Amino acid sequence: MTEHQLIVPRTARYYTLGTPSDAIKDLWIVCHGYGQLGLFFLRHFSGLDDGKTLVVAPEALSRFYLDGFSGRVGATWMTKEDRLSEIEDQAAYLNLLLKEQLRQLPQDVQVTVLGFSQGGATVCRWLATGQVPVHRLVLWAASFPEDIDFDAGKAAFQDLPVAVVYGTQDEFITPDKLEQKGQLMAQLGITPQVYTFDGGHTVHPETLSMVNERLLSK
C-alpha cells in the first residue's frame, strides 16, 4: 500500500473578544488546550476586554466527542499520527488568521501569543518558523516541545519577552517537567519570567491581569 496526501480547503472556526478598530493597541492570539473549544476558552480572557485589546481564540481543526460517541465535544491541535503535516497545517492556519487580524488593525499594534497546555506546544512550533510578528509570548501550563528547530528557533525567540505561568496545584506540572522545559528554553536563549498561582490546570484571571501588566512594561 502507498500513502498519498492531498491538500484540501478547510473551514476553521475562531472567536473574538473586542472589535477591530484604530483604537486597538494590543492583539492577543490565545490557543486552547487539549479537549477544549475556542468559545469556552475565550471566556477566561474577558478581563482583557478594555476597548483597546482584541483577543482572538482560534479553535483546533480536529474535534472529537469527549466521552464515547455523543455529548460534549472538544478539539485537539494534533496527535502523533501524520504529525509533521499537522504541524505545517497549524502554522498555515495561524499565519492566515494573524494576517487577517493585522489587516484590520493599526500597524503599531502589539501582538501577544498565548498557548495553554497543548496550545503552548502549538504556538511554540508556530513561532519557531520565524514568520510571526510577535512581541510577547505567554506559555500557560504548557510544555515547551522538544521537536523545535533550534537553529531557526534561536532567531525567532531572540529578545522575545516570555512568561511561563502555572498553578502550584496543576497535576500536569511536575518538577521534572519544569526542569526539562527550562533546559529547552535555555538552549534557545530564552530566560522567561515565571509566575505561579494557587490553583490547578486553568487560566487564573488575576494572574493573567498581572502578567499582562508586567509584560507590557518590558
N, C-alpha and C. Protein backbone atom coordinates (compact mmCIF):
# COMPACT_ATOMS: atom_id res chain seq x y z
N MET A 1 0.84 -1.20 0.00
CA MET A 1 0.00 0.00 0.00
C MET A 1 0.87 1.25 0.00
N THR A 2 0.40 2.31 -0.63
CA THR A 2 1.15 3.56 -0.75
C THR A 2 0.33 4.70 -0.15
N GLU A 3 0.96 5.46 0.70
CA GLU A 3 0.29 6.62 1.30
C GLU A 3 0.37 7.81 0.35
N HIS A 4 -0.72 8.56 0.26
CA HIS A 4 -0.78 9.77 -0.55
C HIS A 4 -1.31 10.91 0.31
N GLN A 5 -1.03 12.13 -0.09
CA GLN A 5 -1.56 13.30 0.60
C GLN A 5 -2.19 14.25 -0.40
N LEU A 6 -3.24 14.91 0.03
CA LEU A 6 -3.96 15.87 -0.80
C LEU A 6 -4.32 17.07 0.05
N ILE A 7 -3.91 18.25 -0.35
CA ILE A 7 -4.23 19.47 0.38
C ILE A 7 -5.62 19.92 -0.02
N VAL A 8 -6.50 20.08 0.98
CA VAL A 8 -7.89 20.44 0.71
C VAL A 8 -8.26 21.69 1.50
N PRO A 9 -9.26 22.45 1.04
CA PRO A 9 -9.73 23.61 1.82
C PRO A 9 -10.40 23.13 3.10
N ARG A 10 -10.24 23.89 4.19
CA ARG A 10 -10.88 23.57 5.45
C ARG A 10 -11.56 24.82 5.99
N THR A 11 -12.63 24.65 6.72
CA THR A 11 -13.28 25.75 7.41
C THR A 11 -12.79 25.76 8.85
N ALA A 12 -12.06 26.80 9.21
CA ALA A 12 -11.53 26.93 10.57
C ALA A 12 -12.42 27.90 11.35
N ARG A 13 -12.63 27.59 12.62
CA ARG A 13 -13.51 28.41 13.45
C ARG A 13 -12.67 29.15 14.49
N TYR A 14 -12.98 30.42 14.69
CA TYR A 14 -12.31 31.18 15.75
C TYR A 14 -13.29 32.18 16.35
N TYR A 15 -12.95 32.65 17.54
CA TYR A 15 -13.83 33.56 18.27
C TYR A 15 -13.04 34.80 18.68
N THR A 16 -13.75 35.91 18.79
CA THR A 16 -13.07 37.16 19.14
C THR A 16 -13.75 37.85 20.32
N LEU A 17 -12.95 38.56 21.06
CA LEU A 17 -13.42 39.39 22.17
C LEU A 17 -12.89 40.79 21.89
N GLY A 18 -13.80 41.72 21.62
CA GLY A 18 -13.40 43.04 21.18
C GLY A 18 -13.68 43.21 19.70
N THR A 19 -13.56 44.43 19.23
CA THR A 19 -13.86 44.76 17.83
C THR A 19 -12.66 45.42 17.17
N PRO A 20 -12.23 44.93 16.01
CA PRO A 20 -11.11 45.57 15.31
C PRO A 20 -11.41 47.04 15.01
N SER A 21 -10.46 47.90 15.34
CA SER A 21 -10.62 49.33 15.07
C SER A 21 -9.27 50.01 15.23
N ASP A 22 -9.22 51.29 14.92
CA ASP A 22 -7.99 52.06 15.09
C ASP A 22 -7.64 52.25 16.57
N ALA A 23 -8.60 51.96 17.45
CA ALA A 23 -8.35 52.14 18.88
C ALA A 23 -7.62 50.96 19.51
N ILE A 24 -7.50 49.86 18.78
CA ILE A 24 -6.88 48.66 19.33
C ILE A 24 -5.36 48.84 19.41
N LYS A 25 -4.82 48.62 20.61
CA LYS A 25 -3.38 48.73 20.86
C LYS A 25 -2.73 47.36 21.01
N ASP A 26 -3.51 46.39 21.47
CA ASP A 26 -2.96 45.06 21.74
C ASP A 26 -3.83 43.98 21.10
N LEU A 27 -3.17 43.05 20.44
CA LEU A 27 -3.83 41.89 19.86
C LEU A 27 -3.30 40.64 20.56
N TRP A 28 -4.21 39.83 21.09
CA TRP A 28 -3.85 38.57 21.71
C TRP A 28 -4.36 37.42 20.85
N ILE A 29 -3.49 36.49 20.52
CA ILE A 29 -3.89 35.23 19.90
C ILE A 29 -3.74 34.17 20.98
N VAL A 30 -4.85 33.55 21.39
CA VAL A 30 -4.82 32.62 22.52
C VAL A 30 -5.26 31.23 22.04
N CYS A 31 -4.40 30.24 22.25
CA CYS A 31 -4.65 28.88 21.76
C CYS A 31 -4.99 27.96 22.93
N HIS A 32 -6.13 27.31 22.82
CA HIS A 32 -6.66 26.48 23.90
C HIS A 32 -5.89 25.17 24.05
N GLY A 33 -6.24 24.44 25.09
CA GLY A 33 -5.61 23.16 25.36
C GLY A 33 -6.39 21.99 24.79
N TYR A 34 -5.89 20.80 25.07
CA TYR A 34 -6.49 19.56 24.57
C TYR A 34 -7.92 19.39 25.09
N GLY A 35 -8.84 19.09 24.16
CA GLY A 35 -10.21 18.82 24.55
C GLY A 35 -11.06 20.04 24.82
N GLN A 36 -10.53 21.23 24.58
CA GLN A 36 -11.29 22.45 24.80
C GLN A 36 -11.84 22.98 23.47
N LEU A 37 -12.71 23.96 23.55
CA LEU A 37 -13.23 24.65 22.38
C LEU A 37 -12.95 26.14 22.51
N GLY A 38 -12.79 26.80 21.37
CA GLY A 38 -12.40 28.20 21.38
C GLY A 38 -13.35 29.11 22.12
N LEU A 39 -14.65 28.90 21.96
CA LEU A 39 -15.64 29.77 22.59
C LEU A 39 -15.51 29.77 24.11
N PHE A 40 -15.42 28.59 24.69
CA PHE A 40 -15.36 28.49 26.15
C PHE A 40 -13.99 28.93 26.68
N PHE A 41 -12.95 28.68 25.92
CA PHE A 41 -11.62 29.12 26.35
C PHE A 41 -11.52 30.63 26.36
N LEU A 42 -12.14 31.28 25.40
CA LEU A 42 -12.06 32.73 25.29
C LEU A 42 -12.66 33.44 26.50
N ARG A 43 -13.62 32.79 27.15
CA ARG A 43 -14.27 33.42 28.30
C ARG A 43 -13.29 33.72 29.44
N HIS A 44 -12.17 33.01 29.48
CA HIS A 44 -11.17 33.25 30.52
C HIS A 44 -10.50 34.62 30.35
N PHE A 45 -10.65 35.23 29.18
CA PHE A 45 -9.92 36.46 28.88
C PHE A 45 -10.80 37.70 28.87
N SER A 46 -11.99 37.58 29.46
CA SER A 46 -12.92 38.71 29.47
C SER A 46 -12.33 39.93 30.18
N GLY A 47 -11.41 39.71 31.11
CA GLY A 47 -10.80 40.82 31.83
C GLY A 47 -9.91 41.70 30.96
N LEU A 48 -9.53 41.20 29.79
CA LEU A 48 -8.70 42.00 28.88
C LEU A 48 -9.53 42.89 27.96
N ASP A 49 -10.84 42.73 28.00
CA ASP A 49 -11.72 43.48 27.09
C ASP A 49 -11.91 44.89 27.60
N ASP A 50 -10.98 45.77 27.21
CA ASP A 50 -10.97 47.14 27.72
C ASP A 50 -11.18 48.18 26.62
N GLY A 51 -11.56 47.74 25.43
CA GLY A 51 -11.76 48.66 24.32
C GLY A 51 -10.50 48.92 23.51
N LYS A 52 -9.35 48.55 24.08
CA LYS A 52 -8.08 48.74 23.39
C LYS A 52 -7.39 47.42 23.06
N THR A 53 -8.05 46.31 23.42
CA THR A 53 -7.46 44.99 23.23
C THR A 53 -8.42 44.10 22.44
N LEU A 54 -7.88 43.39 21.48
CA LEU A 54 -8.64 42.40 20.72
C LEU A 54 -8.07 41.03 21.04
N VAL A 55 -8.91 40.12 21.51
CA VAL A 55 -8.47 38.77 21.83
C VAL A 55 -9.10 37.81 20.83
N VAL A 56 -8.27 36.98 20.22
CA VAL A 56 -8.73 36.04 19.19
C VAL A 56 -8.38 34.62 19.63
N ALA A 57 -9.38 33.76 19.66
CA ALA A 57 -9.18 32.37 20.08
C ALA A 57 -9.45 31.43 18.90
N PRO A 58 -8.40 30.99 18.21
CA PRO A 58 -8.60 30.01 17.15
C PRO A 58 -8.92 28.65 17.75
N GLU A 59 -9.73 27.89 17.06
CA GLU A 59 -10.08 26.55 17.52
C GLU A 59 -9.34 25.52 16.68
N ALA A 60 -8.78 24.52 17.33
CA ALA A 60 -8.05 23.46 16.61
C ALA A 60 -8.97 22.78 15.59
N LEU A 61 -8.38 22.25 14.55
CA LEU A 61 -9.15 21.75 13.41
C LEU A 61 -9.74 20.36 13.63
N SER A 62 -9.26 19.63 14.61
CA SER A 62 -9.75 18.27 14.83
C SER A 62 -10.64 18.22 16.07
N ARG A 63 -11.91 17.82 15.90
CA ARG A 63 -12.85 17.74 17.02
C ARG A 63 -13.22 16.29 17.29
N PHE A 64 -13.63 16.03 18.52
CA PHE A 64 -13.99 14.67 18.90
C PHE A 64 -14.93 14.71 20.11
N TYR A 65 -15.68 13.63 20.31
CA TYR A 65 -16.52 13.52 21.49
C TYR A 65 -15.64 13.23 22.70
N LEU A 66 -15.87 13.96 23.77
CA LEU A 66 -15.05 13.81 24.96
C LEU A 66 -15.33 12.52 25.72
N ASP A 67 -16.53 12.00 25.55
CA ASP A 67 -16.91 10.80 26.28
C ASP A 67 -17.79 9.91 25.40
N GLY A 68 -17.20 8.91 24.80
CA GLY A 68 -17.97 7.99 23.98
C GLY A 68 -18.29 8.54 22.60
N PHE A 69 -19.56 8.37 22.19
CA PHE A 69 -19.95 8.70 20.82
C PHE A 69 -20.98 9.81 20.73
N SER A 70 -21.17 10.54 21.81
CA SER A 70 -22.11 11.66 21.79
C SER A 70 -21.81 12.56 22.98
N GLY A 71 -22.55 13.68 23.05
CA GLY A 71 -22.37 14.58 24.18
C GLY A 71 -21.40 15.70 23.89
N ARG A 72 -20.65 16.08 24.91
CA ARG A 72 -19.73 17.22 24.80
C ARG A 72 -18.63 16.95 23.78
N VAL A 73 -18.23 18.02 23.10
CA VAL A 73 -17.20 17.94 22.06
C VAL A 73 -16.01 18.79 22.45
N GLY A 74 -14.83 18.31 22.16
CA GLY A 74 -13.60 19.07 22.36
C GLY A 74 -12.79 19.06 21.08
N ALA A 75 -11.69 19.78 21.09
CA ALA A 75 -10.82 19.85 19.91
C ALA A 75 -9.38 19.60 20.31
N THR A 76 -8.60 19.11 19.37
CA THR A 76 -7.18 18.87 19.62
C THR A 76 -6.37 19.43 18.46
N TRP A 77 -5.21 19.96 18.79
CA TRP A 77 -4.36 20.54 17.76
C TRP A 77 -3.67 19.46 16.92
N MET A 78 -3.33 18.35 17.55
CA MET A 78 -2.66 17.30 16.79
C MET A 78 -2.59 16.03 17.61
N THR A 79 -2.26 14.94 16.93
CA THR A 79 -1.92 13.68 17.59
C THR A 79 -0.56 13.25 17.05
N LYS A 80 -0.14 12.06 17.37
CA LYS A 80 1.13 11.57 16.86
C LYS A 80 1.02 11.11 15.41
N GLU A 81 -0.23 10.97 14.90
CA GLU A 81 -0.43 10.47 13.55
C GLU A 81 -0.22 11.59 12.52
N ASP A 82 0.69 11.35 11.56
CA ASP A 82 0.98 12.32 10.50
C ASP A 82 1.28 13.69 11.09
N ARG A 83 2.07 13.71 12.13
CA ARG A 83 2.28 14.92 12.93
C ARG A 83 2.96 16.05 12.17
N LEU A 84 3.88 15.71 11.26
CA LEU A 84 4.58 16.77 10.53
C LEU A 84 3.61 17.55 9.64
N SER A 85 2.70 16.85 9.01
CA SER A 85 1.69 17.53 8.20
C SER A 85 0.78 18.38 9.09
N GLU A 86 0.44 17.84 10.27
CA GLU A 86 -0.41 18.59 11.20
C GLU A 86 0.28 19.89 11.63
N ILE A 87 1.58 19.81 11.90
CA ILE A 87 2.32 21.00 12.32
C ILE A 87 2.34 22.05 11.21
N GLU A 88 2.54 21.61 9.98
CA GLU A 88 2.53 22.54 8.85
C GLU A 88 1.15 23.17 8.68
N ASP A 89 0.11 22.37 8.84
CA ASP A 89 -1.25 22.88 8.71
C ASP A 89 -1.55 23.90 9.81
N GLN A 90 -1.07 23.63 11.02
CA GLN A 90 -1.27 24.57 12.13
C GLN A 90 -0.65 25.92 11.80
N ALA A 91 0.59 25.90 11.33
CA ALA A 91 1.29 27.14 11.03
C ALA A 91 0.59 27.92 9.92
N ALA A 92 0.13 27.21 8.89
CA ALA A 92 -0.58 27.87 7.79
C ALA A 92 -1.87 28.50 8.29
N TYR A 93 -2.59 27.78 9.12
CA TYR A 93 -3.84 28.25 9.70
C TYR A 93 -3.61 29.50 10.55
N LEU A 94 -2.66 29.44 11.47
CA LEU A 94 -2.42 30.56 12.37
C LEU A 94 -1.82 31.76 11.65
N ASN A 95 -0.99 31.53 10.66
CA ASN A 95 -0.46 32.64 9.86
C ASN A 95 -1.58 33.37 9.14
N LEU A 96 -2.50 32.62 8.55
CA LEU A 96 -3.62 33.22 7.83
C LEU A 96 -4.52 33.99 8.79
N LEU A 97 -4.77 33.41 9.96
CA LEU A 97 -5.60 34.07 10.96
C LEU A 97 -4.97 35.38 11.42
N LEU A 98 -3.68 35.34 11.74
CA LEU A 98 -2.99 36.55 12.21
C LEU A 98 -2.97 37.62 11.12
N LYS A 99 -2.71 37.21 9.90
CA LYS A 99 -2.69 38.16 8.78
C LYS A 99 -4.04 38.85 8.63
N GLU A 100 -5.11 38.08 8.77
CA GLU A 100 -6.46 38.64 8.65
C GLU A 100 -6.73 39.66 9.76
N GLN A 101 -6.27 39.38 10.97
CA GLN A 101 -6.48 40.31 12.08
C GLN A 101 -5.65 41.59 11.89
N LEU A 102 -4.38 41.43 11.54
CA LEU A 102 -3.50 42.59 11.39
C LEU A 102 -3.97 43.52 10.27
N ARG A 103 -4.63 42.95 9.28
CA ARG A 103 -5.15 43.76 8.17
C ARG A 103 -6.17 44.79 8.66
N GLN A 104 -6.80 44.50 9.78
CA GLN A 104 -7.86 45.37 10.30
C GLN A 104 -7.41 46.27 11.44
N LEU A 105 -6.12 46.20 11.78
CA LEU A 105 -5.64 46.89 12.97
C LEU A 105 -4.52 47.88 12.63
N PRO A 106 -4.23 48.82 13.54
CA PRO A 106 -3.13 49.77 13.31
C PRO A 106 -1.80 49.04 13.14
N GLN A 107 -0.89 49.64 12.39
CA GLN A 107 0.39 49.00 12.10
C GLN A 107 1.24 48.81 13.34
N ASP A 108 1.04 49.64 14.35
CA ASP A 108 1.87 49.54 15.55
C ASP A 108 1.23 48.69 16.65
N VAL A 109 0.23 47.89 16.31
CA VAL A 109 -0.41 47.05 17.32
C VAL A 109 0.59 46.05 17.87
N GLN A 110 0.51 45.80 19.17
CA GLN A 110 1.41 44.86 19.84
C GLN A 110 0.75 43.47 19.88
N VAL A 111 1.48 42.46 19.44
CA VAL A 111 0.92 41.12 19.34
C VAL A 111 1.44 40.24 20.48
N THR A 112 0.51 39.68 21.24
CA THR A 112 0.83 38.72 22.28
C THR A 112 0.27 37.37 21.87
N VAL A 113 1.08 36.33 21.95
CA VAL A 113 0.63 34.97 21.66
C VAL A 113 0.65 34.19 22.96
N LEU A 114 -0.48 33.55 23.28
CA LEU A 114 -0.58 32.74 24.49
C LEU A 114 -1.00 31.32 24.11
N GLY A 115 -0.29 30.36 24.68
CA GLY A 115 -0.66 28.96 24.49
C GLY A 115 -0.91 28.31 25.82
N PHE A 116 -2.08 27.68 25.95
CA PHE A 116 -2.43 26.99 27.19
C PHE A 116 -2.31 25.49 26.97
N SER A 117 -1.56 24.81 27.86
CA SER A 117 -1.43 23.35 27.81
C SER A 117 -0.98 22.91 26.42
N GLN A 118 -1.74 22.07 25.73
CA GLN A 118 -1.35 21.62 24.39
C GLN A 118 -1.17 22.80 23.43
N GLY A 119 -1.93 23.85 23.64
CA GLY A 119 -1.80 25.03 22.80
C GLY A 119 -0.45 25.70 22.93
N GLY A 120 0.25 25.47 24.06
CA GLY A 120 1.58 26.05 24.24
C GLY A 120 2.58 25.46 23.27
N ALA A 121 2.56 24.14 23.11
CA ALA A 121 3.45 23.49 22.15
C ALA A 121 3.11 23.94 20.75
N THR A 122 1.83 24.13 20.48
CA THR A 122 1.38 24.57 19.16
C THR A 122 1.95 25.94 18.81
N VAL A 123 1.83 26.90 19.73
CA VAL A 123 2.31 28.24 19.41
C VAL A 123 3.83 28.30 19.36
N CYS A 124 4.51 27.46 20.14
CA CYS A 124 5.98 27.44 20.08
C CYS A 124 6.46 26.97 18.71
N ARG A 125 5.84 25.91 18.21
CA ARG A 125 6.21 25.41 16.88
C ARG A 125 5.91 26.46 15.82
N TRP A 126 4.80 27.16 16.00
CA TRP A 126 4.42 28.21 15.06
C TRP A 126 5.43 29.35 15.07
N LEU A 127 5.77 29.84 16.24
CA LEU A 127 6.71 30.95 16.34
C LEU A 127 8.10 30.56 15.86
N ALA A 128 8.46 29.29 16.03
CA ALA A 128 9.80 28.84 15.63
C ALA A 128 10.00 28.89 14.12
N THR A 129 8.93 29.05 13.36
CA THR A 129 9.08 29.20 11.91
C THR A 129 9.73 30.53 11.55
N GLY A 130 9.73 31.46 12.50
CA GLY A 130 10.37 32.75 12.25
C GLY A 130 9.57 33.67 11.36
N GLN A 131 8.32 33.38 11.14
CA GLN A 131 7.48 34.17 10.25
C GLN A 131 6.37 34.92 10.97
N VAL A 132 6.44 34.94 12.30
CA VAL A 132 5.34 35.50 13.09
C VAL A 132 5.77 36.83 13.73
N PRO A 133 5.09 37.93 13.41
CA PRO A 133 5.42 39.22 14.02
C PRO A 133 4.84 39.31 15.42
N VAL A 134 5.54 38.76 16.39
CA VAL A 134 5.04 38.69 17.76
C VAL A 134 5.93 39.51 18.69
N HIS A 135 5.31 40.10 19.70
CA HIS A 135 6.04 40.95 20.65
C HIS A 135 6.16 40.32 22.04
N ARG A 136 5.25 39.40 22.37
CA ARG A 136 5.27 38.75 23.69
C ARG A 136 4.72 37.33 23.55
N LEU A 137 5.25 36.44 24.37
CA LEU A 137 4.80 35.05 24.38
C LEU A 137 4.47 34.64 25.81
N VAL A 138 3.30 34.03 25.99
CA VAL A 138 2.89 33.52 27.29
C VAL A 138 2.64 32.02 27.16
N LEU A 139 3.38 31.23 27.92
CA LEU A 139 3.17 29.78 27.96
C LEU A 139 2.50 29.45 29.29
N TRP A 140 1.24 29.06 29.22
CA TRP A 140 0.44 28.85 30.42
C TRP A 140 0.18 27.36 30.60
N ALA A 141 0.69 26.80 31.69
CA ALA A 141 0.53 25.36 31.96
C ALA A 141 0.95 24.54 30.75
N ALA A 142 2.02 24.96 30.12
CA ALA A 142 2.41 24.38 28.84
C ALA A 142 3.83 23.84 28.89
N SER A 143 4.07 22.82 28.12
CA SER A 143 5.41 22.25 27.97
C SER A 143 6.01 22.70 26.65
N PHE A 144 7.26 23.12 26.73
CA PHE A 144 7.96 23.53 25.52
C PHE A 144 8.28 22.27 24.70
N PRO A 145 7.89 22.21 23.43
CA PRO A 145 8.07 20.98 22.65
C PRO A 145 9.54 20.69 22.34
N GLU A 146 9.89 19.43 22.41
CA GLU A 146 11.28 19.03 22.18
C GLU A 146 11.66 19.01 20.71
N ASP A 147 10.67 19.05 19.82
CA ASP A 147 10.97 18.94 18.39
C ASP A 147 11.14 20.30 17.71
N ILE A 148 11.38 21.34 18.51
CA ILE A 148 11.63 22.67 17.95
C ILE A 148 12.89 22.64 17.09
N ASP A 149 12.85 23.35 15.97
CA ASP A 149 14.04 23.54 15.14
C ASP A 149 14.91 24.58 15.86
N PHE A 150 15.98 24.11 16.51
CA PHE A 150 16.75 25.01 17.36
C PHE A 150 17.48 26.09 16.58
N ASP A 151 17.93 25.78 15.38
CA ASP A 151 18.62 26.79 14.57
C ASP A 151 17.68 27.94 14.24
N ALA A 152 16.49 27.59 13.77
CA ALA A 152 15.50 28.62 13.44
C ALA A 152 14.93 29.24 14.70
N GLY A 153 14.76 28.41 15.73
CA GLY A 153 14.15 28.89 16.96
C GLY A 153 14.96 29.95 17.68
N LYS A 154 16.27 29.83 17.66
CA LYS A 154 17.11 30.82 18.33
C LYS A 154 16.87 32.22 17.78
N ALA A 155 16.73 32.31 16.47
CA ALA A 155 16.47 33.61 15.85
C ALA A 155 15.05 34.08 16.15
N ALA A 156 14.10 33.15 16.13
CA ALA A 156 12.70 33.52 16.32
C ALA A 156 12.43 34.01 17.74
N PHE A 157 13.07 33.41 18.74
CA PHE A 157 12.79 33.75 20.13
C PHE A 157 13.77 34.77 20.71
N GLN A 158 14.74 35.20 19.93
CA GLN A 158 15.73 36.14 20.42
C GLN A 158 15.07 37.46 20.84
N ASP A 159 15.36 37.90 22.04
CA ASP A 159 14.85 39.16 22.59
C ASP A 159 13.33 39.19 22.73
N LEU A 160 12.68 38.05 22.68
CA LEU A 160 11.23 37.99 22.84
C LEU A 160 10.88 37.81 24.32
N PRO A 161 10.14 38.74 24.94
CA PRO A 161 9.72 38.55 26.33
C PRO A 161 8.82 37.33 26.44
N VAL A 162 9.16 36.42 27.34
CA VAL A 162 8.42 35.18 27.52
C VAL A 162 8.00 35.04 28.98
N ALA A 163 6.74 34.73 29.19
CA ALA A 163 6.23 34.45 30.53
C ALA A 163 5.81 32.99 30.61
N VAL A 164 6.22 32.33 31.67
CA VAL A 164 5.79 30.96 31.95
C VAL A 164 4.90 31.01 33.19
N VAL A 165 3.69 30.48 33.06
CA VAL A 165 2.70 30.59 34.13
C VAL A 165 2.11 29.21 34.42
N TYR A 166 1.95 28.90 35.69
CA TYR A 166 1.31 27.63 36.03
C TYR A 166 0.79 27.68 37.46
N GLY A 167 -0.21 26.85 37.73
CA GLY A 167 -0.76 26.74 39.06
C GLY A 167 0.06 25.78 39.91
N THR A 168 0.21 26.11 41.17
CA THR A 168 1.03 25.26 42.05
C THR A 168 0.37 23.91 42.33
N GLN A 169 -0.91 23.78 42.00
CA GLN A 169 -1.62 22.52 42.19
C GLN A 169 -1.95 21.85 40.86
N ASP A 170 -1.29 22.26 39.82
CA ASP A 170 -1.52 21.68 38.49
C ASP A 170 -0.93 20.27 38.45
N GLU A 171 -1.78 19.28 38.24
CA GLU A 171 -1.33 17.89 38.26
C GLU A 171 -0.44 17.53 37.08
N PHE A 172 -0.44 18.38 36.05
CA PHE A 172 0.37 18.09 34.87
C PHE A 172 1.76 18.73 34.93
N ILE A 173 1.96 19.59 35.91
CA ILE A 173 3.24 20.29 36.04
C ILE A 173 4.03 19.66 37.19
N THR A 174 5.12 19.00 36.85
CA THR A 174 5.96 18.34 37.85
C THR A 174 7.34 19.00 37.87
N PRO A 175 8.10 18.83 38.95
CA PRO A 175 9.45 19.40 38.99
C PRO A 175 10.32 18.93 37.83
N ASP A 176 10.20 17.65 37.44
CA ASP A 176 10.99 17.13 36.33
C ASP A 176 10.63 17.83 35.02
N LYS A 177 9.34 18.04 34.81
CA LYS A 177 8.91 18.70 33.58
C LYS A 177 9.35 20.16 33.57
N LEU A 178 9.30 20.81 34.71
CA LEU A 178 9.75 22.20 34.79
C LEU A 178 11.24 22.31 34.46
N GLU A 179 12.02 21.37 34.99
CA GLU A 179 13.45 21.38 34.72
C GLU A 179 13.73 21.13 33.24
N GLN A 180 13.04 20.17 32.68
CA GLN A 180 13.23 19.85 31.27
C GLN A 180 12.85 21.03 30.39
N LYS A 181 11.71 21.67 30.71
CA LYS A 181 11.27 22.82 29.94
C LYS A 181 12.28 23.96 30.04
N GLY A 182 12.82 24.16 31.23
CA GLY A 182 13.82 25.21 31.43
C GLY A 182 15.07 24.97 30.62
N GLN A 183 15.50 23.72 30.54
CA GLN A 183 16.69 23.38 29.76
C GLN A 183 16.48 23.64 28.28
N LEU A 184 15.30 23.29 27.78
CA LEU A 184 15.00 23.52 26.37
C LEU A 184 15.00 25.01 26.05
N MET A 185 14.38 25.80 26.92
CA MET A 185 14.34 27.24 26.67
C MET A 185 15.73 27.86 26.76
N ALA A 186 16.55 27.34 27.68
CA ALA A 186 17.92 27.86 27.80
C ALA A 186 18.70 27.63 26.52
N GLN A 187 18.47 26.49 25.88
CA GLN A 187 19.16 26.20 24.61
C GLN A 187 18.76 27.19 23.53
N LEU A 188 17.58 27.76 23.66
CA LEU A 188 17.09 28.74 22.68
C LEU A 188 17.40 30.17 23.12
N GLY A 189 18.09 30.32 24.24
CA GLY A 189 18.42 31.65 24.73
C GLY A 189 17.27 32.37 25.38
N ILE A 190 16.27 31.60 25.83
CA ILE A 190 15.09 32.19 26.46
C ILE A 190 15.25 32.19 27.98
N THR A 191 15.10 33.37 28.56
CA THR A 191 15.08 33.49 30.03
C THR A 191 13.70 34.02 30.42
N PRO A 192 12.77 33.13 30.73
CA PRO A 192 11.39 33.57 30.96
C PRO A 192 11.18 34.19 32.33
N GLN A 193 10.14 34.98 32.42
CA GLN A 193 9.63 35.42 33.70
C GLN A 193 8.62 34.36 34.15
N VAL A 194 8.77 33.84 35.36
CA VAL A 194 7.92 32.75 35.84
C VAL A 194 6.90 33.30 36.84
N TYR A 195 5.65 32.93 36.63
CA TYR A 195 4.56 33.34 37.51
C TYR A 195 3.80 32.11 37.96
N THR A 196 3.46 32.04 39.23
CA THR A 196 2.65 30.94 39.74
C THR A 196 1.44 31.49 40.48
N PHE A 197 0.44 30.63 40.62
CA PHE A 197 -0.74 30.99 41.38
C PHE A 197 -1.25 29.76 42.11
N ASP A 198 -2.05 29.98 43.10
CA ASP A 198 -2.59 28.88 43.90
C ASP A 198 -3.81 28.32 43.16
N GLY A 199 -3.59 27.26 42.41
CA GLY A 199 -4.68 26.69 41.62
C GLY A 199 -4.19 25.55 40.76
N GLY A 200 -5.10 25.02 39.95
CA GLY A 200 -4.79 23.86 39.14
C GLY A 200 -4.58 24.19 37.67
N HIS A 201 -5.04 23.29 36.82
CA HIS A 201 -4.82 23.37 35.38
C HIS A 201 -5.88 24.26 34.74
N THR A 202 -5.72 25.57 34.92
CA THR A 202 -6.70 26.51 34.43
C THR A 202 -6.05 27.88 34.23
N VAL A 203 -6.79 28.79 33.61
CA VAL A 203 -6.33 30.18 33.47
C VAL A 203 -6.88 30.97 34.65
N HIS A 204 -6.00 31.60 35.39
CA HIS A 204 -6.35 32.35 36.59
C HIS A 204 -6.45 33.84 36.24
N PRO A 205 -7.65 34.44 36.30
CA PRO A 205 -7.85 35.81 35.82
C PRO A 205 -6.94 36.84 36.46
N GLU A 206 -6.77 36.77 37.78
CA GLU A 206 -5.94 37.78 38.45
C GLU A 206 -4.48 37.67 38.01
N THR A 207 -4.00 36.45 37.85
CA THR A 207 -2.62 36.25 37.39
C THR A 207 -2.46 36.70 35.94
N LEU A 208 -3.48 36.44 35.13
CA LEU A 208 -3.44 36.89 33.74
C LEU A 208 -3.32 38.40 33.67
N SER A 209 -4.06 39.10 34.50
CA SER A 209 -4.00 40.57 34.53
C SER A 209 -2.61 41.04 34.93
N MET A 210 -2.02 40.40 35.93
CA MET A 210 -0.69 40.78 36.40
C MET A 210 0.36 40.53 35.32
N VAL A 211 0.29 39.37 34.67
CA VAL A 211 1.24 39.06 33.60
C VAL A 211 1.12 40.07 32.47
N ASN A 212 -0.09 40.43 32.13
CA ASN A 212 -0.31 41.40 31.06
C ASN A 212 0.34 42.73 31.39
N GLU A 213 0.15 43.21 32.61
CA GLU A 213 0.70 44.49 33.02
C GLU A 213 2.23 44.46 33.03
N ARG A 214 2.80 43.38 33.54
CA ARG A 214 4.25 43.32 33.66
C ARG A 214 4.93 43.13 32.31
N LEU A 215 4.32 42.36 31.42
CA LEU A 215 4.91 42.19 30.09
C LEU A 215 4.78 43.45 29.26
N LEU A 216 3.72 44.21 29.49
CA LEU A 216 3.55 45.47 28.78
C LEU A 216 4.68 46.44 29.10
N SER A 217 5.22 46.32 30.30
CA SER A 217 6.27 47.24 30.74
C SER A 217 7.64 46.87 30.20
N LYS A 218 7.74 45.68 29.55
CA LYS A 218 9.03 45.25 29.03
C LYS A 218 9.43 46.06 27.80
